[in-house]
Amino acid sequence: DLATFFSGHLSAAGTFQNHFDGSTRGVRVDVHGAPGPRGFKLIEDIVYSDGEKHRWLWTFSKVAEGQYIGEGPDFKQTYIFNQSGAADYRLTVSFLFVPVGDACMILRKLPY
């Protein structure tokens, strides 16, 4: 269940690739999730290797058993869950609906 997986503290690290100039830089994402009355909320703290930082808030609403719709900033995220309790975390960043870069990381739940 997504709400259970995202409850608590999760972390991911990887590389972000810029589509315009082909450059790459390291990225780390710390995720803090909390259940809500109709789904759950996520706070993502993103730090790039050059010092750039962002904080994003996502709200996920449960629309059916095992299905959620997320509202948040202007980028697309995909999670592919595996048997080890981690997820492949793919992130596409857009500006005015134009993709500008992407990252692929492994998202892991951290112990309390």
C-alpha atoms as a PDB file:
ATOM      1  CA  ASP A   1       0.000   0.000   0.000  1.00  0.00           C
ATOM      2  CA  LEU A   2       1.410   3.398  -1.007  1.00  0.00           C
ATOM      3  CA  ALA A   3       0.246   5.209   2.120  1.00  0.00           C
ATOM      4  CA  THR A   4       2.037   2.647   4.312  1.00  0.00           C
ATOM      5  CA  PHE A   5       5.211   2.677   2.209  1.00  0.00           C
ATOM      6  CA  PHE A   6       5.418   6.483   2.238  1.00  0.00           C
ATOM      7  CA  SER A   7       4.697   6.914   5.953  1.00  0.00           C
ATOM      8  CA  GLY A   8       7.842   7.949   7.791  1.00  0.00           C
ATOM      9  CA  HIS A   9      11.259   8.890   6.395  1.00  0.00           C
ATOM     10  CA  LEU A  10      12.595   7.728   3.033  1.00  0.00           C
ATOM     11  CA  SER A  11      15.730   8.651   1.130  1.00  0.00           C
ATOM     12  CA  ALA A  12      17.042   8.397  -2.435  1.00  0.00           C
ATOM     13  CA  ALA A  13      20.280   9.392  -4.154  1.00  0.00           C
ATOM     14  CA  GLY A  14      21.351   9.400  -7.790  1.00  0.00           C
ATOM     15  CA  THR A  15      22.203  11.581 -10.753  1.00  0.00           C
ATOM     16  CA  PHE A  16      20.172  14.296 -12.487  1.00  0.00           C
ATOM     17  CA  GLN A  17      20.729  14.800 -16.225  1.00  0.00           C
ATOM     18  CA  ASN A  18      20.011  18.143 -17.912  1.00  0.00           C
ATOM     19  CA  HIS A  19      18.342  17.604 -21.342  1.00  0.00           C
ATOM     20  CA  PHE A  20      19.557  20.917 -22.774  1.00  0.00           C
ATOM     21  CA  ASP A  21      23.324  20.712 -22.246  1.00  0.00           C
ATOM     22  CA  GLY A  22      23.790  17.039 -21.331  1.00  0.00           C
ATOM     23  CA  SER A  23      25.372  17.886 -17.978  1.00  0.00           C
ATOM     24  CA  THR A  24      24.827  15.717 -14.898  1.00  0.00           C
ATOM     25  CA  ARG A  25      24.950  16.428 -11.185  1.00  0.00           C
ATOM     26  CA  GLY A  26      24.336  14.427  -8.057  1.00  0.00           C
ATOM     27  CA  VAL A  27      20.966  14.638  -6.328  1.00  0.00           C
ATOM     28  CA  ARG A  28      19.682  13.478  -2.950  1.00  0.00           C
ATOM     29  CA  VAL A  29      16.012  13.425  -1.990  1.00  0.00           C
ATOM     30  CA  ASP A  30      14.748  13.074   1.582  1.00  0.00           C
ATOM     31  CA  VAL A  31      11.048  12.253   1.752  1.00  0.00           C
ATOM     32  CA  HIS A  32       8.837  12.608   4.826  1.00  0.00           C
ATOM     33  CA  GLY A  33       5.374  11.115   4.509  1.00  0.00           C
ATOM     34  CA  ALA A  34       2.311  11.242   6.719  1.00  0.00           C
ATOM     35  CA  PRO A  35      -1.127   9.675   6.292  1.00  0.00           C
ATOM     36  CA  GLY A  36      -4.119  11.945   5.886  1.00  0.00           C
ATOM     37  CA  PRO A  37      -7.883  11.453   6.056  1.00  0.00           C
ATOM     38  CA  ARG A  38      -8.235  10.557   2.345  1.00  0.00           C
ATOM     39  CA  GLY A  39      -4.689   9.587   1.370  1.00  0.00           C
ATOM     40  CA  PHE A  40      -1.280  10.912   2.370  1.00  0.00           C
ATOM     41  CA  LYS A  41       1.098  13.871   2.056  1.00  0.00           C
ATOM     42  CA  LEU A  42       4.780  13.923   1.132  1.00  0.00           C
ATOM     43  CA  ILE A  43       7.396  16.575   1.744  1.00  0.00           C
ATOM     44  CA  GLU A  44      10.440  16.203  -0.498  1.00  0.00           C
ATOM     45  CA  ASP A  45      13.685  17.976   0.331  1.00  0.00           C
ATOM     46  CA  ILE A  46      15.913  17.883  -2.756  1.00  0.00           C
ATOM     47  CA  VAL A  47      19.614  18.819  -2.644  1.00  0.00           C
ATOM     48  CA  TYR A  48      21.857  18.850  -5.724  1.00  0.00           C
ATOM     49  CA  SER A  49      25.632  18.372  -5.577  1.00  0.00           C
ATOM     50  CA  ASP A  50      26.179  22.022  -6.582  1.00  0.00           C
ATOM     51  CA  GLY A  51      24.213  23.233  -3.535  1.00  0.00           C
ATOM     52  CA  GLU A  52      20.864  24.007  -5.203  1.00  0.00           C
ATOM     53  CA  LYS A  53      17.938  23.073  -2.920  1.00  0.00           C
ATOM     54  CA  HIS A  54      14.186  22.658  -3.338  1.00  0.00           C
ATOM     55  CA  ARG A  55      11.295  21.628  -1.109  1.00  0.00           C
ATOM     56  CA  TRP A  56       8.164  20.180  -2.698  1.00  0.00           C
ATOM     57  CA  LEU A  57       4.827  19.234  -1.160  1.00  0.00           C
ATOM     58  CA  TRP A  58       2.693  16.477  -2.664  1.00  0.00           C
ATOM     59  CA  THR A  59      -0.856  15.502  -1.709  1.00  0.00           C
ATOM     60  CA  PHE A  60      -2.115  12.060  -2.742  1.00  0.00           C
ATOM     61  CA  SER A  61      -5.836  11.248  -2.721  1.00  0.00           C
ATOM     62  CA  LYS A  62      -7.048   7.659  -2.718  1.00  0.00           C
ATOM     63  CA  VAL A  63      -9.420   7.107  -5.646  1.00  0.00           C
ATOM     64  CA  ALA A  64      -9.779   3.313  -5.405  1.00  0.00           C
ATOM     65  CA  GLU A  65      -8.131   0.404  -3.622  1.00  0.00           C
ATOM     66  CA  GLY A  66      -4.410   0.715  -4.385  1.00  0.00           C
ATOM     67  CA  GLN A  67      -4.894   3.750  -6.652  1.00  0.00           C
ATOM     68  CA  TYR A  68      -3.936   7.340  -5.835  1.00  0.00           C
ATOM     69  CA  ILE A  69      -3.803  10.626  -7.692  1.00  0.00           C
ATOM     70  CA  GLY A  70      -1.043  13.050  -6.701  1.00  0.00           C
ATOM     71  CA  GLU A  71      -1.008  16.839  -6.845  1.00  0.00           C
ATOM     72  CA  GLY A  72       2.248  18.722  -6.612  1.00  0.00           C
ATOM     73  CA  PRO A  73       4.909  20.662  -8.498  1.00  0.00           C
ATOM     74  CA  ASP A  74       5.470  20.682 -12.265  1.00  0.00           C
ATOM     75  CA  PHE A  75       7.262  17.352 -12.650  1.00  0.00           C
ATOM     76  CA  LYS A  76       6.361  13.735 -13.159  1.00  0.00           C
ATOM     77  CA  GLN A  77       7.397  11.005 -10.741  1.00  0.00           C
ATOM     78  CA  THR A  78       7.191   7.273 -11.261  1.00  0.00           C
ATOM     79  CA  TYR A  79       7.714   4.642  -8.552  1.00  0.00           C
ATOM     80  CA  ILE A  80       8.309   1.004  -9.433  1.00  0.00           C
ATOM     81  CA  PHE A  81       8.204  -1.118  -6.291  1.00  0.00           C
ATOM     82  CA  ASN A  82      10.365  -4.204  -5.888  1.00  0.00           C
ATOM     83  CA  GLN A  83      10.420  -7.136  -3.480  1.00  0.00           C
ATOM     84  CA  SER A  84      13.135  -5.650  -1.232  1.00  0.00           C
ATOM     85  CA  GLY A  85      10.844  -2.910   0.083  1.00  0.00           C
ATOM     86  CA  ALA A  86      12.527  -0.246  -2.042  1.00  0.00           C
ATOM     87  CA  ALA A  87      11.339   1.509  -5.188  1.00  0.00           C
ATOM     88  CA  ASP A  88      12.954   2.651  -8.410  1.00  0.00           C
ATOM     89  CA  TYR A  89      12.286   6.380  -8.310  1.00  0.00           C
ATOM     90  CA  ARG A  90      12.176   8.221 -11.632  1.00  0.00           C
ATOM     91  CA  LEU A  91      11.782  11.953 -11.766  1.00  0.00           C
ATOM     92  CA  THR A  92      11.197  14.207 -14.788  1.00  0.00           C
ATOM     93  CA  VAL A  93      11.464  17.957 -14.192  1.00  0.00           C
ATOM     94  CA  SER A  94       9.560  20.310 -16.494  1.00  0.00           C
ATOM     95  CA  PHE A  95       9.372  24.048 -16.939  1.00  0.00           C
ATOM     96  CA  LEU A  96       6.137  25.323 -18.489  1.00  0.00           C
ATOM     97  CA  PHE A  97       5.323  21.694 -19.408  1.00  0.00           C
ATOM     98  CA  VAL A  98       8.630  21.264 -21.302  1.00  0.00           C
ATOM     99  CA  PRO A  99      10.860  18.492 -19.854  1.00  0.00           C
ATOM    100  CA  VAL A 100      14.251  19.931 -18.852  1.00  0.00           C
ATOM    101  CA  GLY A 101      15.881  16.952 -17.113  1.00  0.00           C
ATOM    102  CA  ASP A 102      15.440  13.648 -15.360  1.00  0.00           C
ATOM    103  CA  ALA A 103      16.858  11.435 -12.636  1.00  0.00           C
ATOM    104  CA  CYS A 104      16.700   7.780 -11.713  1.00  0.00           C
ATOM    105  CA  MET A 105      17.284   6.724  -8.099  1.00  0.00           C
ATOM    106  CA  ILE A 106      16.471   3.978  -5.589  1.00  0.00           C
ATOM    107  CA  LEU A 107      14.074   5.120  -2.848  1.00  0.00           C
ATOM    108  CA  ARG A 108      14.492   3.322   0.479  1.00  0.00           C
ATOM    109  CA  LYS A 109      12.544   3.540   3.697  1.00  0.00           C
ATOM    110  CA  LEU A 110      14.786   4.539   6.594  1.00  0.00           C
ATOM    111  CA  PRO A 111      14.413   2.996  10.053  1.00  0.00           C
ATOM    112  CA  TYR A 112      12.660   5.083  12.681  1.00  0.00           C
END
